[in-house]
Amino acid sequence: MVEGRLSRRPQGRVIAVMVVWNGRRFLERAVSSVLAELGEEDDLLVVDNGSTDGSGEFLRERFPQAAILATGENLGGAGGFSAGMRAALRDEGCRQVWLLDNDIEAEPGALSALREALDADAGVAAVGSQLCLYDDPERVQELGSRYSPWLGALRQVHHGEPRLAPDSPPRAVDYLPACSLLVRRDALERAGLFREEFFVFYDDVEWSLRIRAQGGVIKAAPGSVVRHCYGGGKETVPWREYYRKRNRCACLSLFPPRLGGRLALLIYLMHVNSLARFFRLQGDETLSGVYERALEDYLARRFGRRDDLPEVSETGLPPLLLDAGSIRIDSSLSPGDAQAARARLQSAGHAGRAGQGGSGETIVVGERYRWRIARQGRLVRYRCGGRWWEISSPRREYLLVLVRRLVSLLTATPAAMAQWRKTRRQSWPSPPTVGADG
């Protein structure tokens, strides 16, 4: 039972639920800033999600006023938040729950702005913060997201733009990340908790869409500012790719977009099947296998945490980079991979810069680069998990990649069609309710 793992029962009109997994380096700023926002009638519950970095010990010593729920294992964001929400709502006086990641810092007035937005409109089920970048707080990560009507893709509102003025009115969105959102008790009791089988990624997306499907309104309030160590810019690694692909398929099954309907799932199945085939042709068996596993588990309804996902061992810098006088990071790398490649270059004594340059540079590229780059020669591919691959014939490789992508898409189509037809016969369990024991 969850109660047996609690240091004490949380009690408060607003109970903040922060999920922590090996987030020790963030906790001083995160917990201090949240406690500063809570009033005398409020409380903080920290869910220690099986941390192994001393987070639990630090919390008990530094913040004895916080209630701590030690899960004893990593339940993922979905399981951690659900356990915390159950514990919070056992207090009959709790009217609102403030969900928070541990890699945040709440600016002054963050909670009061959320409460004002909820109190102003009884039809609003939940309100989220204006999320700004942790180390660049004048730049917005997102102000909630839209669920595109055709493909069901998430479109972050105001992403990358300057932060909005605090007097900007709240605006309706389709999705609020659990980095910082305030939800009414009655909305939780109607909609239920996060689907714990998602483990990580798309758990809060599915939950937001569930609230919207029940007629609830969710908004983002620019007056509430929370700084967040944004995960969208993280490096491509197998476990992230697995959960993102598997759970997005599930989300599209549960909530087909308004215009695209079930065709959106078919298109996404084609995309993931194509990725699996393309990376196999590229010689990357790890990523190819991860995409295949995501599809297999989605179709078989095998969800939850997977402890047998592959890890990738880094390789050293190839001679072409070791001897390079000037190295450029190409835009064909994702922001997260570009940052990771740059960090590895810097640790080896190379600066690695972005932007345009002359023909004397060595260029680090992704799987698909531009023809203009191919003509400059001296290319090195950066791959998932810190692996490097010298490209001996860039123009030939460019054409091969185009062919491999076309072949991958063509061969993926019949497989995706068969998988899509299979999903018509499958049903989903009900989401967990507030009263269920964890």
Protein backbone atom coordinates (compact mmCIF):
# COMPACT_ATOMS: atom_id res chain seq x y z
CA MET A 1 0.00 0.00 0.00
CA VAL A 2 1.16 3.52 -0.76
CA GLU A 3 0.33 4.68 2.78
CA GLY A 4 2.99 2.43 4.28
CA ARG A 5 5.74 4.21 2.36
CA LEU A 6 4.74 7.73 3.39
CA SER A 7 6.81 9.65 5.92
CA ARG A 8 3.48 11.30 6.84
CA ARG A 9 0.16 11.93 5.17
CA PRO A 10 0.10 15.16 3.15
CA GLN A 11 -2.61 17.64 4.12
CA GLY A 12 -3.54 20.89 2.45
CA ARG A 13 -5.96 22.78 0.28
CA VAL A 14 -3.29 22.72 -2.45
CA ILE A 15 -0.92 19.75 -2.36
CA ALA A 16 2.13 20.01 -4.60
CA VAL A 17 3.27 16.62 -5.93
CA MET A 18 6.87 16.56 -7.15
CA VAL A 19 8.28 13.36 -8.65
CA VAL A 20 12.01 12.81 -8.17
CA TRP A 21 14.21 10.23 -9.86
CA ASN A 22 17.96 10.78 -9.41
CA GLY A 23 17.46 14.54 -9.46
CA ARG A 24 19.66 15.42 -6.51
CA ARG A 25 21.41 18.28 -8.32
CA PHE A 26 18.11 20.10 -8.93
CA LEU A 27 16.45 19.61 -5.56
CA GLU A 28 17.79 22.57 -3.58
CA ARG A 29 16.43 25.11 -6.06
CA ALA A 30 13.33 23.13 -6.98
CA VAL A 31 12.02 22.34 -3.50
CA SER A 32 12.97 25.72 -2.02
CA SER A 33 11.14 27.59 -4.78
CA VAL A 34 8.00 25.44 -4.43
CA LEU A 35 7.87 25.77 -0.64
CA ALA A 36 8.11 29.54 -1.04
CA GLU A 37 4.93 29.43 -3.15
CA LEU A 38 2.85 27.31 -0.79
CA GLY A 39 0.67 28.94 1.86
CA GLU A 40 0.02 27.83 5.41
CA GLU A 41 -2.94 25.72 4.26
CA ASP A 42 -0.91 23.97 1.54
CA ASP A 43 1.54 21.08 1.58
CA LEU A 44 4.33 19.47 -0.45
CA LEU A 45 4.55 15.75 -1.22
CA VAL A 46 7.77 14.57 -2.85
CA VAL A 47 7.62 11.17 -4.54
CA ASP A 48 11.07 9.59 -4.39
CA ASN A 49 10.82 7.28 -7.37
CA GLY A 50 13.52 4.78 -6.45
CA SER A 51 16.41 7.26 -6.64
CA THR A 52 19.93 5.90 -6.22
CA ASP A 53 21.80 9.23 -6.07
CA GLY A 54 20.99 10.19 -2.49
CA SER A 55 17.92 12.26 -3.36
CA GLY A 56 15.79 10.67 -0.63
CA GLU A 57 18.39 11.18 2.09
CA PHE A 58 18.95 14.80 1.01
CA LEU A 59 15.22 15.55 1.10
CA ARG A 60 14.77 14.12 4.59
CA GLU A 61 17.72 16.07 5.95
CA ARG A 62 17.27 19.39 4.12
CA PHE A 63 13.47 19.60 3.88
CA PRO A 64 11.91 17.81 6.87
CA GLN A 65 8.70 19.85 6.41
CA ALA A 66 7.91 17.98 3.17
CA ALA A 67 6.03 14.69 3.12
CA ILE A 68 7.98 11.99 1.29
CA LEU A 69 6.54 9.00 -0.51
CA ALA A 70 9.28 6.44 -1.19
CA THR A 71 8.07 4.12 -3.95
CA GLY A 72 11.06 1.78 -3.62
CA GLU A 73 11.42 1.47 -7.38
CA ASN A 74 11.39 3.55 -10.52
CA LEU A 75 7.73 3.78 -11.57
CA GLY A 76 8.44 6.33 -14.26
CA GLY A 77 6.75 9.70 -14.40
CA ALA A 78 3.36 8.06 -14.98
CA GLY A 79 3.52 5.77 -11.95
CA GLY A 80 5.18 8.35 -9.72
CA PHE A 81 2.61 11.06 -10.40
CA SER A 82 -0.30 8.63 -10.05
CA ALA A 83 1.01 7.40 -6.68
CA GLY A 84 1.45 10.98 -5.53
CA MET A 85 -2.02 12.05 -6.68
CA ARG A 86 -3.63 9.11 -4.88
CA ALA A 87 -1.82 9.99 -1.66
CA ALA A 88 -2.73 13.67 -1.96
CA LEU A 89 -6.42 13.05 -2.61
CA ARG A 90 -6.76 10.86 0.47
CA ASP A 91 -6.90 14.17 2.29
CA GLU A 92 -10.54 15.23 1.98
CA GLY A 93 -9.56 18.88 2.36
CA CYS A 94 -7.38 18.84 -0.77
CA ARG A 95 -9.09 20.85 -3.51
CA GLN A 96 -6.24 21.21 -6.03
CA VAL A 97 -3.07 19.26 -6.89
CA TRP A 98 0.03 20.98 -8.30
CA LEU A 99 2.05 18.53 -10.41
CA LEU A 100 5.76 19.29 -10.75
CA ASP A 101 8.91 17.81 -12.23
CA ASN A 102 12.05 17.91 -10.08
CA ASP A 103 14.23 19.76 -12.62
CA ILE A 104 12.38 23.06 -12.23
CA GLU A 105 12.49 26.35 -10.39
CA ALA A 106 9.23 28.15 -9.69
CA GLU A 107 9.45 31.93 -9.97
CA PRO A 108 7.63 34.07 -7.38
CA GLY A 109 3.88 34.12 -7.99
CA ALA A 110 3.88 30.88 -10.01
CA LEU A 111 1.25 29.17 -7.87
CA SER A 112 -0.93 32.21 -7.22
CA ALA A 113 -1.23 32.85 -10.98
CA LEU A 114 -2.35 29.25 -11.52
CA ARG A 115 -4.92 29.50 -8.74
CA GLU A 116 -6.28 32.77 -10.09
CA ALA A 117 -6.75 31.23 -13.52
CA LEU A 118 -8.65 28.26 -12.04
CA ASP A 119 -10.78 30.42 -9.77
CA ALA A 120 -11.71 32.75 -12.63
CA ASP A 121 -13.47 30.03 -14.64
CA ALA A 122 -15.26 27.04 -13.11
CA GLY A 123 -15.15 25.27 -16.48
CA VAL A 124 -11.35 25.07 -16.49
CA ALA A 125 -10.11 21.70 -15.26
CA ALA A 126 -6.37 22.41 -15.18
CA VAL A 127 -3.95 25.28 -15.74
CA GLY A 128 -0.28 25.05 -16.65
CA SER A 129 2.64 27.44 -16.29
CA GLN A 130 4.63 29.34 -18.87
CA LEU A 131 7.67 27.09 -19.02
CA CYS A 132 10.94 28.92 -19.63
CA LEU A 133 14.38 27.44 -20.13
CA TYR A 134 16.25 26.67 -16.93
CA ASP A 135 19.43 28.51 -17.92
CA ASP A 136 17.79 31.05 -20.25
CA PRO A 137 14.62 32.16 -18.44
CA GLU A 138 13.78 34.85 -20.98
CA ARG A 139 13.24 32.13 -23.61
CA VAL A 140 10.07 30.03 -23.62
CA GLN A 141 10.07 26.25 -23.79
CA GLU A 142 6.33 26.14 -24.28
CA LEU A 143 3.01 27.52 -23.17
CA GLY A 144 1.22 24.22 -23.49
CA SER A 145 0.81 22.49 -26.83
CA ARG A 146 -1.70 21.89 -29.59
CA TYR A 147 -2.62 18.42 -30.83
CA SER A 148 -2.55 18.84 -34.60
CA PRO A 149 -5.93 17.92 -36.15
CA TRP A 150 -4.55 15.75 -38.96
CA LEU A 151 -1.51 13.85 -37.64
CA GLY A 152 -1.84 14.19 -33.88
CA ALA A 153 1.57 15.83 -33.56
CA LEU A 154 2.30 18.14 -30.64
CA ARG A 155 2.88 21.77 -31.57
CA GLN A 156 4.41 23.67 -28.68
CA VAL A 157 2.85 27.09 -28.22
CA HIS A 158 5.32 29.99 -28.21
CA HIS A 159 8.31 27.61 -28.29
CA GLY A 160 11.68 29.36 -28.56
CA GLU A 161 10.18 32.85 -28.39
CA PRO A 162 10.70 35.56 -25.75
CA ARG A 163 8.69 35.05 -22.58
CA LEU A 164 5.25 36.63 -22.46
CA ALA A 165 4.35 39.44 -20.11
CA PRO A 166 2.79 38.27 -16.82
CA ASP A 167 -0.46 40.13 -17.56
CA SER A 168 -1.01 38.16 -20.78
CA PRO A 169 -4.33 36.30 -20.52
CA PRO A 170 -4.47 32.51 -20.12
CA ARG A 171 -5.06 30.65 -23.36
CA ALA A 172 -6.74 27.32 -24.10
CA VAL A 173 -4.45 24.47 -25.21
CA ASP A 174 -4.79 20.74 -25.86
CA TYR A 175 -1.93 19.50 -23.70
CA LEU A 176 -0.16 20.60 -20.53
CA PRO A 177 3.16 19.00 -19.52
CA ALA A 178 3.35 17.78 -15.93
CA CYS A 179 6.40 20.00 -15.36
CA SER A 180 4.00 22.45 -13.67
CA LEU A 181 0.22 22.20 -13.79
CA LEU A 182 -2.56 22.76 -11.26
CA VAL A 183 -5.61 20.51 -11.53
CA ARG A 184 -8.93 20.53 -9.69
CA ARG A 185 -9.79 17.60 -7.47
CA ASP A 186 -13.12 16.99 -9.20
CA ALA A 187 -11.39 16.89 -12.61
CA LEU A 188 -9.05 14.18 -11.33
CA GLU A 189 -11.95 12.23 -9.89
CA ARG A 190 -13.76 12.32 -13.24
CA ALA A 191 -10.83 11.72 -15.59
CA GLY A 192 -8.69 9.41 -13.48
CA LEU A 193 -4.92 9.36 -13.09
CA PHE A 194 -2.06 8.90 -15.53
CA ARG A 195 -1.88 5.58 -17.35
CA GLU A 196 0.90 3.96 -15.37
CA GLU A 197 1.62 1.49 -18.18
CA PHE A 198 3.03 4.36 -20.26
CA PHE A 199 5.93 4.65 -17.75
CA VAL A 200 7.46 7.77 -19.38
CA PHE A 201 6.52 10.01 -22.31
CA TYR A 202 2.99 10.76 -23.51
CA ASP A 203 1.46 9.91 -20.11
CA ASP A 204 0.56 13.56 -19.52
CA VAL A 205 -0.41 13.94 -23.19
CA GLU A 206 -2.92 11.09 -22.98
CA TRP A 207 -4.23 12.45 -19.68
CA SER A 208 -4.69 15.97 -21.08
CA LEU A 209 -6.54 14.61 -24.11
CA ARG A 210 -8.72 12.49 -21.82
CA ILE A 211 -9.77 15.59 -19.89
CA ARG A 212 -10.49 17.42 -23.14
CA ALA A 213 -12.53 14.48 -24.45
CA GLN A 214 -14.74 14.72 -21.34
CA GLY A 215 -15.47 18.36 -22.11
CA GLY A 216 -12.92 19.85 -19.76
CA VAL A 217 -10.94 22.96 -20.64
CA ILE A 218 -7.22 23.24 -19.98
CA LYS A 219 -5.31 26.50 -20.19
CA ALA A 220 -1.79 27.85 -19.89
CA ALA A 221 -1.24 30.97 -17.78
CA PRO A 222 1.69 33.23 -18.80
CA GLY A 223 1.59 34.86 -15.37
CA SER A 224 2.86 31.63 -13.81
CA VAL A 225 6.51 31.18 -14.77
CA VAL A 226 8.45 28.00 -14.04
CA ARG A 227 11.96 27.39 -15.33
CA HIS A 228 12.49 23.87 -16.65
CA CYS A 229 15.54 21.91 -17.72
CA TYR A 230 14.02 21.14 -21.10
CA GLY A 231 14.22 17.47 -22.14
CA GLY A 232 13.28 18.08 -25.78
CA GLY A 233 16.89 18.99 -26.52
CA LYS A 234 18.37 15.76 -25.17
CA GLU A 235 20.45 13.32 -27.16
CA THR A 236 18.89 10.49 -29.15
CA VAL A 237 19.29 7.29 -27.12
CA PRO A 238 17.57 3.91 -27.51
CA TRP A 239 15.39 3.98 -24.41
CA ARG A 240 13.91 7.40 -25.22
CA GLU A 241 13.18 6.37 -28.78
CA TYR A 242 11.47 3.19 -27.60
CA TYR A 243 9.08 4.85 -25.13
CA ARG A 244 8.31 7.80 -27.38
CA LYS A 245 7.42 5.64 -30.38
CA ARG A 246 5.50 3.00 -28.43
CA ASN A 247 3.49 5.48 -26.39
CA ARG A 248 2.69 7.83 -29.25
CA CYS A 249 1.16 4.88 -31.11
CA ALA A 250 -0.97 4.22 -28.03
CA CYS A 251 -1.97 7.87 -27.75
CA LEU A 252 -3.06 7.98 -31.39
CA SER A 253 -5.10 4.81 -30.84
CA LEU A 254 -6.85 6.20 -27.79
CA PHE A 255 -7.40 9.71 -29.16
CA PRO A 256 -7.43 9.90 -32.97
CA PRO A 257 -6.99 13.53 -34.09
CA ARG A 258 -10.10 15.44 -35.07
CA LEU A 259 -9.57 15.47 -38.86
CA GLY A 260 -7.02 12.73 -39.48
CA GLY A 261 -8.86 10.17 -37.38
CA ARG A 262 -7.44 6.66 -37.55
CA LEU A 263 -5.46 7.53 -40.67
CA ALA A 264 -3.06 9.42 -38.38
CA LEU A 265 -2.14 6.14 -36.70
CA LEU A 266 -1.57 4.48 -40.07
CA ILE A 267 0.77 7.26 -41.16
CA TYR A 268 2.70 7.05 -37.90
CA LEU A 269 2.99 3.26 -38.17
CA MET A 270 4.42 3.77 -41.65
CA HIS A 271 6.89 6.26 -40.21
CA VAL A 272 8.15 3.96 -37.44
CA ASN A 273 8.33 0.93 -39.75
CA SER A 274 10.27 3.04 -42.22
CA LEU A 275 12.72 4.13 -39.51
CA ALA A 276 13.33 0.51 -38.51
CA ARG A 277 14.10 -0.46 -42.10
CA PHE A 278 16.18 2.62 -42.85
CA PHE A 279 18.49 2.23 -39.86
CA ARG A 280 18.95 -1.43 -40.64
CA LEU A 281 20.08 -0.49 -44.15
CA GLN A 282 22.35 2.13 -42.58
CA GLY A 283 23.97 -0.56 -40.46
CA ASP A 284 22.57 0.68 -37.15
CA GLU A 285 21.11 -2.53 -35.73
CA THR A 286 20.54 -0.96 -32.30
CA LEU A 287 18.13 1.77 -33.37
CA SER A 288 16.51 -0.50 -35.92
CA GLY A 289 15.84 -3.09 -33.23
CA VAL A 290 14.47 -0.47 -30.83
CA TYR A 291 11.90 0.72 -33.37
CA GLU A 292 10.89 -2.86 -34.14
CA ARG A 293 10.53 -3.58 -30.42
CA ALA A 294 8.38 -0.47 -29.92
CA LEU A 295 6.02 -1.62 -32.66
CA GLU A 296 5.89 -5.21 -31.42
CA ASP A 297 5.14 -4.19 -27.84
CA TYR A 298 2.51 -1.65 -28.87
CA LEU A 299 0.69 -4.22 -31.01
CA ALA A 300 0.93 -6.91 -28.30
CA ARG A 301 -0.13 -4.40 -25.62
CA ARG A 302 3.09 -4.98 -23.69
CA PHE A 303 3.52 -1.76 -21.78
CA GLY A 304 5.15 -0.61 -18.57
CA ARG A 305 8.88 -0.37 -17.88
CA ARG A 306 11.25 -2.37 -20.07
CA ASP A 307 14.53 -3.26 -18.39
CA ASP A 308 16.06 -5.05 -21.37
CA LEU A 309 16.42 -2.14 -23.77
CA PRO A 310 19.86 -1.94 -25.40
CA GLU A 311 22.56 0.51 -24.43
CA VAL A 312 25.06 1.99 -26.84
CA SER A 313 28.78 2.15 -26.14
CA GLU A 314 30.58 5.30 -27.18
CA THR A 315 33.42 5.19 -29.66
CA GLY A 316 36.50 7.37 -29.71
CA LEU A 317 36.95 10.23 -32.15
CA PRO A 318 38.01 9.02 -35.60
CA PRO A 319 41.36 10.19 -37.06
CA LEU A 320 39.58 12.65 -39.34
CA LEU A 321 38.35 14.58 -36.30
CA LEU A 322 41.53 14.19 -34.28
CA ASP A 323 43.55 15.80 -37.08
CA ALA A 324 40.98 18.47 -37.98
CA GLY A 325 41.93 22.10 -37.57
CA SER A 326 38.33 23.31 -37.75
CA ILE A 327 35.16 21.34 -37.00
CA ARG A 328 31.59 22.38 -37.71
CA ILE A 329 28.36 20.83 -36.41
CA ASP A 330 25.86 20.59 -39.25
CA SER A 331 22.15 21.37 -38.93
CA SER A 332 21.28 17.83 -40.01
CA LEU A 333 21.86 16.82 -36.38
CA SER A 334 18.96 17.31 -33.96
CA PRO A 335 19.55 19.99 -31.29
CA GLY A 336 20.12 17.35 -28.64
CA ASP A 337 22.56 15.34 -30.75
CA ALA A 338 24.35 18.51 -31.84
CA GLN A 339 24.82 19.53 -28.21
CA ALA A 340 26.06 16.05 -27.28
CA ALA A 341 28.49 15.95 -30.21
CA ARG A 342 29.81 19.40 -29.30
CA ALA A 343 30.32 18.35 -25.67
CA ARG A 344 32.29 15.27 -26.71
CA LEU A 345 34.43 17.33 -29.05
CA GLN A 346 35.14 19.86 -26.33
CA SER A 347 36.15 17.12 -23.89
CA ALA A 348 38.65 15.95 -26.52
CA GLY A 349 40.02 19.47 -26.98
CA HIS A 350 37.97 20.56 -30.03
CA ALA A 351 35.55 23.48 -29.92
CA GLY A 352 33.08 22.27 -32.56
CA ARG A 353 30.94 25.16 -33.78
CA ALA A 354 27.70 25.60 -35.69
CA GLY A 355 27.09 27.71 -38.78
CA GLN A 356 28.60 28.14 -42.21
CA GLY A 357 32.26 27.87 -43.06
CA GLY A 358 34.82 27.34 -45.76
CA SER A 359 35.81 24.22 -47.61
CA GLY A 360 38.69 23.50 -45.21
CA GLU A 361 36.40 22.37 -42.41
CA THR A 362 35.57 18.90 -41.21
CA ILE A 363 31.81 18.69 -40.76
CA VAL A 364 29.88 16.51 -38.31
CA VAL A 365 26.56 15.48 -39.87
CA GLY A 366 23.48 13.43 -39.07
CA GLU A 367 22.01 10.54 -41.01
CA ARG A 368 20.65 12.84 -43.71
CA TYR A 369 22.65 15.84 -44.81
CA ARG A 370 22.30 18.27 -47.72
CA TRP A 371 23.85 17.84 -51.14
CA ARG A 372 25.71 21.11 -50.74
CA ILE A 373 27.41 19.69 -47.63
CA ALA A 374 28.19 16.46 -49.47
CA ARG A 375 30.16 18.41 -52.06
CA GLN A 376 32.46 19.90 -49.43
CA GLY A 377 33.98 16.54 -48.46
CA ARG A 378 35.53 15.48 -45.13
CA LEU A 379 32.34 14.46 -43.34
CA VAL A 380 31.92 12.50 -40.11
CA ARG A 381 28.54 11.12 -39.08
CA TYR A 382 27.51 11.38 -35.44
CA ARG A 383 25.25 8.54 -34.34
CA CYS A 384 23.05 7.59 -31.42
CA GLY A 385 24.94 7.23 -28.15
CA GLY A 386 28.21 8.91 -29.07
CA ARG A 387 29.31 6.82 -32.04
CA TRP A 388 31.26 8.35 -34.92
CA TRP A 389 31.46 7.17 -38.52
CA GLU A 390 33.77 8.58 -41.18
CA ILE A 391 32.08 9.04 -44.56
CA SER A 392 34.60 8.24 -47.24
CA SER A 393 32.45 9.22 -50.25
CA PRO A 394 29.96 11.90 -49.12
CA ARG A 395 28.21 12.37 -52.47
CA ARG A 396 27.83 8.63 -53.03
CA GLU A 397 26.58 8.21 -49.46
CA TYR A 398 24.11 11.07 -49.96
CA LEU A 399 22.54 9.28 -52.94
CA LEU A 400 22.54 5.95 -51.10
CA VAL A 401 20.69 7.49 -48.19
CA LEU A 402 18.00 8.81 -50.54
CA VAL A 403 17.58 5.36 -52.06
CA ARG A 404 17.50 3.68 -48.66
CA ARG A 405 14.83 6.05 -47.43
CA LEU A 406 12.68 5.42 -50.48
CA VAL A 407 13.09 1.64 -50.23
CA SER A 408 12.35 1.79 -46.49
CA LEU A 409 9.14 3.72 -47.02
CA LEU A 410 7.93 1.45 -49.82
CA THR A 411 8.57 -1.75 -47.89
CA ALA A 412 7.15 -0.27 -44.68
CA THR A 413 3.75 0.49 -46.21
CA PRO A 414 2.30 -3.06 -46.44
CA ALA A 415 3.59 -3.93 -42.96
CA ALA A 416 2.03 -0.79 -41.50
CA MET A 417 -1.27 -1.53 -43.24
CA ALA A 418 -1.39 -5.00 -41.68
CA GLN A 419 -0.56 -3.61 -38.24
CA TRP A 420 -3.16 -0.86 -38.60
CA ARG A 421 -5.89 -3.37 -39.46
CA LYS A 422 -4.93 -5.41 -36.41
CA THR A 423 -5.44 -2.41 -34.11
CA ARG A 424 -9.13 -2.26 -35.07
CA ARG A 425 -9.73 -5.45 -33.07
CA GLN A 426 -7.95 -4.31 -29.92
CA SER A 427 -9.41 -2.65 -26.85
CA TRP A 428 -7.82 -0.66 -24.04
CA PRO A 429 -8.25 -1.00 -20.28
CA SER A 430 -9.82 1.85 -18.36
CA PRO A 431 -7.45 4.43 -16.89
CA PRO A 432 -6.63 4.16 -13.18
CA THR A 433 -9.05 5.88 -10.83
CA VAL A 434 -8.35 8.04 -7.83
CA GLY A 435 -9.67 5.50 -5.35
CA ALA A 436 -7.57 2.56 -6.57
CA ASP A 437 -4.73 1.46 -4.32
CA GLY A 438 -1.19 1.87 -5.61
